[in-house]
Amino acid sequence: MAIKNVLVVDDSPTDAHVLTEILKKNGFTVISASSGEQGVEMAKEHKPDLILMDVVMPGMSGFEATRAISKNPETSGIPVIICSSKDQETDKAWGLRQGARDYLVKPVDEKILMSKLQAL
């Protein structure tokens, strides 16, 4: 599947901006959400090719949003990559159990992110 449209879900304007700039520089179209709830709604509405999901957000966490997206038949085909500052193995394992395809630790390295996107 060719990835063109990416939804970035992150409550940090700085982190969202960094990810958006990396993606746009590499030719992707980006939309963004600033909460887990908004991310779930935008996934249903826009059907992006990929979602980059933060974990620590007010309200619905990225783990909860990832689970909601991966369990909904309408959005279950959209791959989610968690991008978080939480770098424990238990966090990574839990994120993958929620339905994420991969887990990157912030700050996200551009080369690593691009290689993950090409591997999908």
C-alpha atoms as a PDB file:
ATOM      1  CA  MET A   1       0.000   0.000   0.000  1.00  0.00           C
ATOM      2  CA  ALA A   2       1.386   3.382  -0.966  1.00  0.00           C
ATOM      3  CA  ILE A   3       1.230   5.802   1.942  1.00  0.00           C
ATOM      4  CA  LYS A   4       0.369   9.359   0.939  1.00  0.00           C
ATOM      5  CA  ASN A   5      -1.923  10.769   3.644  1.00  0.00           C
ATOM      6  CA  VAL A   6      -0.804  10.705   7.272  1.00  0.00           C
ATOM      7  CA  LEU A   7      -2.732  11.676  10.403  1.00  0.00           C
ATOM      8  CA  VAL A   8      -0.481  12.966  13.204  1.00  0.00           C
ATOM      9  CA  VAL A   9      -2.116  12.732  16.660  1.00  0.00           C
ATOM     10  CA  ASP A  10      -0.143  14.649  19.293  1.00  0.00           C
ATOM     11  CA  ASP A  11      -1.117  17.173  21.968  1.00  0.00           C
ATOM     12  CA  SER A  12       2.321  18.835  21.826  1.00  0.00           C
ATOM     13  CA  PRO A  13       2.353  21.528  19.107  1.00  0.00           C
ATOM     14  CA  THR A  14       6.149  21.246  18.921  1.00  0.00           C
ATOM     15  CA  ASP A  15       6.205  17.452  18.443  1.00  0.00           C
ATOM     16  CA  ALA A  16       3.319  17.608  15.951  1.00  0.00           C
ATOM     17  CA  HIS A  17       5.156  20.329  14.003  1.00  0.00           C
ATOM     18  CA  VAL A  18       8.408  18.323  13.858  1.00  0.00           C
ATOM     19  CA  LEU A  19       6.611  15.194  12.568  1.00  0.00           C
ATOM     20  CA  THR A  20       4.542  17.245  10.097  1.00  0.00           C
ATOM     21  CA  GLU A  21       7.648  18.956   8.684  1.00  0.00           C
ATOM     22  CA  ILE A  22       9.484  15.624   8.246  1.00  0.00           C
ATOM     23  CA  LEU A  23       6.474  14.119   6.463  1.00  0.00           C
ATOM     24  CA  LYS A  24       5.786  17.131   4.218  1.00  0.00           C
ATOM     25  CA  LYS A  25       9.475  17.354   3.258  1.00  0.00           C
ATOM     26  CA  ASN A  26       9.230  13.729   2.116  1.00  0.00           C
ATOM     27  CA  GLY A  27       6.107  14.303   0.006  1.00  0.00           C
ATOM     28  CA  PHE A  28       3.311  13.228   2.352  1.00  0.00           C
ATOM     29  CA  THR A  29       0.030  15.047   2.917  1.00  0.00           C
ATOM     30  CA  VAL A  30      -0.526  15.615   6.647  1.00  0.00           C
ATOM     31  CA  ILE A  31      -3.569  16.275   8.791  1.00  0.00           C
ATOM     32  CA  SER A  32      -3.338  16.536  12.544  1.00  0.00           C
ATOM     33  CA  ALA A  33      -5.338  16.035  15.702  1.00  0.00           C
ATOM     34  CA  SER A  34      -4.440  17.258  19.180  1.00  0.00           C
ATOM     35  CA  SER A  35      -6.204  14.579  21.264  1.00  0.00           C
ATOM     36  CA  GLY A  36      -6.934  10.863  21.211  1.00  0.00           C
ATOM     37  CA  GLU A  37     -10.663  11.486  20.811  1.00  0.00           C
ATOM     38  CA  GLN A  38     -10.090  13.850  17.890  1.00  0.00           C
ATOM     39  CA  GLY A  39      -7.670  11.340  16.340  1.00  0.00           C
ATOM     40  CA  VAL A  40     -10.279   8.549  16.431  1.00  0.00           C
ATOM     41  CA  GLU A  41     -12.887  10.841  14.819  1.00  0.00           C
ATOM     42  CA  MET A  42     -10.476  12.065  12.134  1.00  0.00           C
ATOM     43  CA  ALA A  43      -9.442   8.482  11.353  1.00  0.00           C
ATOM     44  CA  LYS A  44     -13.101   7.649  10.655  1.00  0.00           C
ATOM     45  CA  GLU A  45     -13.725  10.837   8.693  1.00  0.00           C
ATOM     46  CA  HIS A  46     -10.534  11.085   6.593  1.00  0.00           C
ATOM     47  CA  LYS A  47      -9.397   7.427   6.348  1.00  0.00           C
ATOM     48  CA  PRO A  48      -5.659   8.301   6.262  1.00  0.00           C
ATOM     49  CA  ASP A  49      -3.119   5.788   4.949  1.00  0.00           C
ATOM     50  CA  LEU A  50      -1.211   5.901   8.260  1.00  0.00           C
ATOM     51  CA  ILE A  51      -1.559   7.333  11.772  1.00  0.00           C
ATOM     52  CA  LEU A  52       1.351   8.521  13.928  1.00  0.00           C
ATOM     53  CA  MET A  53       0.059   8.419  17.520  1.00  0.00           C
ATOM     54  CA  ASP A  54       1.424  10.027  20.686  1.00  0.00           C
ATOM     55  CA  VAL A  55       0.705   8.171  23.957  1.00  0.00           C
ATOM     56  CA  VAL A  56       0.543  10.743  26.759  1.00  0.00           C
ATOM     57  CA  MET A  57      -2.387  13.069  26.033  1.00  0.00           C
ATOM     58  CA  PRO A  58      -5.173  14.502  28.190  1.00  0.00           C
ATOM     59  CA  GLY A  59      -8.412  12.531  28.052  1.00  0.00           C
ATOM     60  CA  MET A  60      -8.069   9.468  25.849  1.00  0.00           C
ATOM     61  CA  SER A  61      -4.478   8.204  25.767  1.00  0.00           C
ATOM     62  CA  GLY A  62      -2.758   7.136  22.575  1.00  0.00           C
ATOM     63  CA  PHE A  63      -3.010   3.518  23.725  1.00  0.00           C
ATOM     64  CA  GLU A  64      -6.803   3.879  24.085  1.00  0.00           C
ATOM     65  CA  ALA A  65      -7.121   5.683  20.746  1.00  0.00           C
ATOM     66  CA  THR A  66      -4.993   3.039  18.996  1.00  0.00           C
ATOM     67  CA  ARG A  67      -7.182   0.302  20.465  1.00  0.00           C
ATOM     68  CA  ALA A  68     -10.366   2.118  19.361  1.00  0.00           C
ATOM     69  CA  ILE A  69      -9.023   2.570  15.814  1.00  0.00           C
ATOM     70  CA  SER A  70      -7.748  -1.009  15.479  1.00  0.00           C
ATOM     71  CA  LYS A  71     -10.979  -2.554  16.857  1.00  0.00           C
ATOM     72  CA  ASN A  72     -13.365  -0.507  14.661  1.00  0.00           C
ATOM     73  CA  PRO A  73     -14.075  -2.290  11.340  1.00  0.00           C
ATOM     74  CA  GLU A  74     -14.263   1.149   9.680  1.00  0.00           C
ATOM     75  CA  THR A  75     -10.653   2.034  10.633  1.00  0.00           C
ATOM     76  CA  SER A  76      -8.987  -1.306  11.472  1.00  0.00           C
ATOM     77  CA  GLY A  77      -7.068  -1.371   8.185  1.00  0.00           C
ATOM     78  CA  ILE A  78      -5.240   1.874   8.957  1.00  0.00           C
ATOM     79  CA  PRO A  79      -1.753   1.170  10.339  1.00  0.00           C
ATOM     80  CA  VAL A  80      -0.829   3.039  13.519  1.00  0.00           C
ATOM     81  CA  ILE A  81       2.751   3.800  14.545  1.00  0.00           C
ATOM     82  CA  ILE A  82       3.083   5.029  18.105  1.00  0.00           C
ATOM     83  CA  CYS A  83       5.575   7.895  18.555  1.00  0.00           C
ATOM     84  CA  SER A  84       6.166   8.468  22.252  1.00  0.00           C
ATOM     85  CA  SER A  85       8.740   9.617  24.756  1.00  0.00           C
ATOM     86  CA  LYS A  86       7.787   6.531  26.821  1.00  0.00           C
ATOM     87  CA  ASP A  87      10.712   4.246  26.034  1.00  0.00           C
ATOM     88  CA  GLN A  88      10.229   1.235  28.312  1.00  0.00           C
ATOM     89  CA  GLU A  89       9.911  -2.218  26.741  1.00  0.00           C
ATOM     90  CA  THR A  90       6.598  -2.651  28.589  1.00  0.00           C
ATOM     91  CA  ASP A  91       5.257   0.499  26.880  1.00  0.00           C
ATOM     92  CA  LYS A  92       6.314  -0.819  23.479  1.00  0.00           C
ATOM     93  CA  ALA A  93       4.779  -4.237  24.152  1.00  0.00           C
ATOM     94  CA  TRP A  94       1.535  -2.662  25.380  1.00  0.00           C
ATOM     95  CA  GLY A  95       1.345  -0.359  22.347  1.00  0.00           C
ATOM     96  CA  LEU A  96       1.720  -3.297  19.983  1.00  0.00           C
ATOM     97  CA  ARG A  97      -0.935  -5.233  21.924  1.00  0.00           C
ATOM     98  CA  GLN A  98      -3.340  -2.315  21.378  1.00  0.00           C
ATOM     99  CA  GLY A  99      -2.980  -2.769  17.628  1.00  0.00           C
ATOM    100  CA  ALA A 100      -0.038  -0.534  16.700  1.00  0.00           C
ATOM    101  CA  ARG A 101       2.156  -1.798  13.863  1.00  0.00           C
ATOM    102  CA  ASP A 102       5.296  -0.215  15.285  1.00  0.00           C
ATOM    103  CA  TYR A 103       6.613   1.953  18.110  1.00  0.00           C
ATOM    104  CA  LEU A 104       9.104   4.813  17.776  1.00  0.00           C
ATOM    105  CA  VAL A 105      10.671   6.735  20.646  1.00  0.00           C
ATOM    106  CA  LYS A 106      10.810  10.559  20.489  1.00  0.00           C
ATOM    107  CA  PRO A 107      12.630  12.464  19.279  1.00  0.00           C
ATOM    108  CA  VAL A 108      11.817  10.573  16.085  1.00  0.00           C
ATOM    109  CA  ASP A 109      14.736  10.130  13.696  1.00  0.00           C
ATOM    110  CA  GLU A 110      13.754  11.050  10.130  1.00  0.00           C
ATOM    111  CA  LYS A 111      15.654   8.167   8.493  1.00  0.00           C
ATOM    112  CA  ILE A 112      14.137   5.600  10.858  1.00  0.00           C
ATOM    113  CA  LEU A 113      10.625   7.004  10.349  1.00  0.00           C
ATOM    114  CA  MET A 114      10.981   6.939   6.553  1.00  0.00           C
ATOM    115  CA  SER A 115      12.287   3.361   6.599  1.00  0.00           C
ATOM    116  CA  LYS A 116       9.315   2.290   8.757  1.00  0.00           C
ATOM    117  CA  LEU A 117       6.887   3.955   6.339  1.00  0.00           C
ATOM    118  CA  GLN A 118       8.495   2.263   3.341  1.00  0.00           C
ATOM    119  CA  ALA A 119       8.290  -1.111   5.106  1.00  0.00           C
ATOM    120  CA  LEU A 120       4.493  -0.888   5.539  1.00  0.00           C
END
